[in-house]
Amino acid sequence: MTATNDEPDPLITEDRWQHIEDRLAAIERRIREHSSDAIATVDACLARLDALRHDLAHGPWLPQAFPAPADPPAVPPLPARARTESPPTTAGHRHAPTVPNAPKHGPVGGVQAAVRVPA
């Protein structure tokens, strides 16, 4: 402001606004540069993922393409087990013996019940 009147100096006000506009333009430019870089990076990653997807979908699946597994720790082998035959069809069932003149323990009528024993 000048000492002769209370009106602001138009040149100082214009310079302040120009400085603010220049700063805003610089910020816009940096935002565009950073966003362009970010978009280019994302595009490159997406292209790589697409190439990997294509390779997985269409590439050969050869066993030699995979690394060999690491050697397991030294553990002695388990002893061979003898082959067993299948159990008879009556395994797990025990019938009560029938003894003549023996008291009957079971349902009414003296019917002997088959008792299932776990194998």
C-alpha atoms as a PDB file:
ATOM      1  CA  MET A   1       0.000   0.000   0.000  1.00  0.00           C
ATOM      2  CA  THR A   2       1.062   3.535  -0.563  1.00  0.00           C
ATOM      3  CA  ALA A   3       1.224   6.220   2.071  1.00  0.00           C
ATOM      4  CA  THR A   4      -0.983   8.670   0.097  1.00  0.00           C
ATOM      5  CA  ASN A   5      -4.142   6.532  -0.139  1.00  0.00           C
ATOM      6  CA  ASP A   6      -5.633   3.305   1.214  1.00  0.00           C
ATOM      7  CA  GLU A   7      -5.915   1.488  -2.139  1.00  0.00           C
ATOM      8  CA  PRO A   8      -3.637  -1.538  -2.659  1.00  0.00           C
ATOM      9  CA  ASP A   9      -0.902  -1.290  -5.256  1.00  0.00           C
ATOM     10  CA  PRO A  10      -2.164  -3.181  -8.340  1.00  0.00           C
ATOM     11  CA  LEU A  11       1.353  -4.345  -9.323  1.00  0.00           C
ATOM     12  CA  ILE A  12       1.994  -6.015  -5.965  1.00  0.00           C
ATOM     13  CA  THR A  13      -1.419  -7.690  -6.047  1.00  0.00           C
ATOM     14  CA  GLU A  14      -0.829  -8.829  -9.652  1.00  0.00           C
ATOM     15  CA  ASP A  15       2.590 -10.234  -8.719  1.00  0.00           C
ATOM     16  CA  ARG A  16       1.096 -12.208  -5.823  1.00  0.00           C
ATOM     17  CA  TRP A  17      -1.585 -13.741  -8.047  1.00  0.00           C
ATOM     18  CA  GLN A  18       0.941 -14.541 -10.761  1.00  0.00           C
ATOM     19  CA  HIS A  19       3.161 -16.274  -8.210  1.00  0.00           C
ATOM     20  CA  ILE A  20       0.188 -18.383  -7.004  1.00  0.00           C
ATOM     21  CA  GLU A  21      -0.797 -19.276 -10.574  1.00  0.00           C
ATOM     22  CA  ASP A  22       2.784 -20.284 -11.385  1.00  0.00           C
ATOM     23  CA  ARG A  23       2.896 -22.525  -8.305  1.00  0.00           C
ATOM     24  CA  LEU A  24      -0.419 -24.140  -9.240  1.00  0.00           C
ATOM     25  CA  ALA A  25       0.831 -24.791 -12.786  1.00  0.00           C
ATOM     26  CA  ALA A  26       4.006 -26.396 -11.379  1.00  0.00           C
ATOM     27  CA  ILE A  27       1.938 -28.605  -9.068  1.00  0.00           C
ATOM     28  CA  GLU A  28      -0.311 -29.676 -11.961  1.00  0.00           C
ATOM     29  CA  ARG A  29       2.751 -30.536 -14.051  1.00  0.00           C
ATOM     30  CA  ARG A  30       4.240 -32.672 -11.247  1.00  0.00           C
ATOM     31  CA  ILE A  31       0.918 -34.445 -10.715  1.00  0.00           C
ATOM     32  CA  ARG A  32       0.705 -35.295 -14.428  1.00  0.00           C
ATOM     33  CA  GLU A  33       4.312 -36.564 -14.452  1.00  0.00           C
ATOM     34  CA  HIS A  34       3.840 -38.717 -11.362  1.00  0.00           C
ATOM     35  CA  SER A  35       0.494 -40.070 -12.499  1.00  0.00           C
ATOM     36  CA  SER A  36       1.929 -40.857 -15.952  1.00  0.00           C
ATOM     37  CA  ASP A  37       4.821 -42.724 -14.306  1.00  0.00           C
ATOM     38  CA  ALA A  38       2.432 -44.613 -12.042  1.00  0.00           C
ATOM     39  CA  ILE A  39       0.146 -45.538 -14.935  1.00  0.00           C
ATOM     40  CA  ALA A  40       3.128 -46.734 -16.985  1.00  0.00           C
ATOM     41  CA  THR A  41       4.317 -48.875 -14.053  1.00  0.00           C
ATOM     42  CA  VAL A  42       0.872 -50.407 -13.565  1.00  0.00           C
ATOM     43  CA  ASP A  43       0.579 -51.080 -17.309  1.00  0.00           C
ATOM     44  CA  ALA A  44       3.964 -52.840 -17.293  1.00  0.00           C
ATOM     45  CA  CYS A  45       2.907 -54.999 -14.323  1.00  0.00           C
ATOM     46  CA  LEU A  46      -0.386 -55.887 -15.986  1.00  0.00           C
ATOM     47  CA  ALA A  47       1.396 -56.812 -19.207  1.00  0.00           C
ATOM     48  CA  ARG A  48       3.770 -59.062 -17.254  1.00  0.00           C
ATOM     49  CA  LEU A  49       0.862 -60.718 -15.442  1.00  0.00           C
ATOM     50  CA  ASP A  50      -0.906 -61.273 -18.757  1.00  0.00           C
ATOM     51  CA  ALA A  51       2.231 -62.887 -20.197  1.00  0.00           C
ATOM     52  CA  LEU A  52       2.531 -65.139 -17.138  1.00  0.00           C
ATOM     53  CA  ARG A  53      -1.144 -66.095 -17.404  1.00  0.00           C
ATOM     54  CA  HIS A  54      -0.660 -66.953 -21.072  1.00  0.00           C
ATOM     55  CA  ASP A  55       2.431 -69.045 -20.287  1.00  0.00           C
ATOM     56  CA  LEU A  56       0.583 -70.926 -17.559  1.00  0.00           C
ATOM     57  CA  ALA A  57      -2.412 -71.546 -19.793  1.00  0.00           C
ATOM     58  CA  HIS A  58      -0.512 -72.576 -22.925  1.00  0.00           C
ATOM     59  CA  GLY A  59       3.022 -73.483 -21.901  1.00  0.00           C
ATOM     60  CA  PRO A  60       4.382 -77.019 -21.701  1.00  0.00           C
ATOM     61  CA  TRP A  61       4.232 -78.671 -18.307  1.00  0.00           C
ATOM     62  CA  LEU A  62       7.393 -80.725 -18.283  1.00  0.00           C
ATOM     63  CA  PRO A  63       8.557 -82.399 -15.061  1.00  0.00           C
ATOM     64  CA  GLN A  64      12.170 -81.312 -15.638  1.00  0.00           C
ATOM     65  CA  ALA A  65      11.040 -77.691 -15.606  1.00  0.00           C
ATOM     66  CA  PHE A  66      10.587 -77.900 -11.829  1.00  0.00           C
ATOM     67  CA  PRO A  67      13.532 -78.016  -9.413  1.00  0.00           C
ATOM     68  CA  ALA A  68      14.255 -81.290  -7.697  1.00  0.00           C
ATOM     69  CA  PRO A  69      13.062 -81.442  -4.080  1.00  0.00           C
ATOM     70  CA  ALA A  70      15.623 -81.075  -1.352  1.00  0.00           C
ATOM     71  CA  ASP A  71      16.936 -84.264   0.237  1.00  0.00           C
ATOM     72  CA  PRO A  72      14.873 -85.248   3.269  1.00  0.00           C
ATOM     73  CA  PRO A  73      16.667 -85.582   6.606  1.00  0.00           C
ATOM     74  CA  ALA A  74      18.246 -88.952   7.290  1.00  0.00           C
ATOM     75  CA  VAL A  75      15.407 -91.132   8.564  1.00  0.00           C
ATOM     76  CA  PRO A  76      15.728 -94.910   8.570  1.00  0.00           C
ATOM     77  CA  PRO A  77      13.204 -96.631   6.289  1.00  0.00           C
ATOM     78  CA  LEU A  78      10.187 -98.275   7.874  1.00  0.00           C
ATOM     79  CA  PRO A  79      10.250-102.091   8.018  1.00  0.00           C
ATOM     80  CA  ALA A  80       8.152-103.865   5.427  1.00  0.00           C
ATOM     81  CA  ARG A  81       4.781-105.022   6.682  1.00  0.00           C
ATOM     82  CA  ALA A  82       3.521-108.505   6.064  1.00  0.00           C
ATOM     83  CA  ARG A  83       0.539-108.714   3.801  1.00  0.00           C
ATOM     84  CA  THR A  84      -2.616-109.616   5.673  1.00  0.00           C
ATOM     85  CA  GLU A  85      -5.627-111.411   4.340  1.00  0.00           C
ATOM     86  CA  SER A  86      -9.049-109.933   4.551  1.00  0.00           C
ATOM     87  CA  PRO A  87     -10.967-110.980   7.687  1.00  0.00           C
ATOM     88  CA  PRO A  88     -13.689-113.592   7.361  1.00  0.00           C
ATOM     89  CA  THR A  89     -17.215-112.327   6.844  1.00  0.00           C
ATOM     90  CA  THR A  90     -18.156-113.300  10.410  1.00  0.00           C
ATOM     91  CA  ALA A  91     -15.417-111.216  11.991  1.00  0.00           C
ATOM     92  CA  GLY A  92     -16.753-108.977  14.696  1.00  0.00           C
ATOM     93  CA  HIS A  93     -19.863-111.076  15.348  1.00  0.00           C
ATOM     94  CA  ARG A  94     -20.160-113.413  18.309  1.00  0.00           C
ATOM     95  CA  HIS A  95     -23.223-115.527  18.786  1.00  0.00           C
ATOM     96  CA  ALA A  96     -24.333-116.640  22.196  1.00  0.00           C
ATOM     97  CA  PRO A  97     -23.836-120.338  22.634  1.00  0.00           C
ATOM     98  CA  THR A  98     -26.917-122.484  22.654  1.00  0.00           C
ATOM     99  CA  VAL A  99     -26.922-124.886  25.543  1.00  0.00           C
ATOM    100  CA  PRO A 100     -29.827-127.210  26.072  1.00  0.00           C
ATOM    101  CA  ASN A 101     -31.891-126.406  29.173  1.00  0.00           C
ATOM    102  CA  ALA A 102     -29.853-123.242  29.839  1.00  0.00           C
ATOM    103  CA  PRO A 103     -31.682-120.219  31.152  1.00  0.00           C
ATOM    104  CA  LYS A 104     -32.581-117.868  28.387  1.00  0.00           C
ATOM    105  CA  HIS A 105     -31.309-114.259  28.703  1.00  0.00           C
ATOM    106  CA  GLY A 106     -32.713-112.122  25.987  1.00  0.00           C
ATOM    107  CA  PRO A 107     -35.896-110.751  24.662  1.00  0.00           C
ATOM    108  CA  VAL A 108     -39.219-112.321  25.366  1.00  0.00           C
ATOM    109  CA  GLY A 109     -39.560-115.689  23.710  1.00  0.00           C
ATOM    110  CA  GLY A 110     -35.955-116.733  24.309  1.00  0.00           C
ATOM    111  CA  VAL A 111     -34.546-115.639  20.954  1.00  0.00           C
ATOM    112  CA  GLN A 112     -30.764-115.443  21.061  1.00  0.00           C
ATOM    113  CA  ALA A 113     -29.339-112.112  19.909  1.00  0.00           C
ATOM    114  CA  ALA A 114     -26.130-111.641  17.960  1.00  0.00           C
ATOM    115  CA  VAL A 115     -23.673-109.467  19.852  1.00  0.00           C
ATOM    116  CA  ARG A 116     -21.362-107.212  17.815  1.00  0.00           C
ATOM    117  CA  VAL A 117     -17.835-107.077  19.198  1.00  0.00           C
ATOM    118  CA  PRO A 118     -15.522-104.393  17.892  1.00  0.00           C
ATOM    119  CA  ALA A 119     -12.711-105.755  15.739  1.00  0.00           C
END
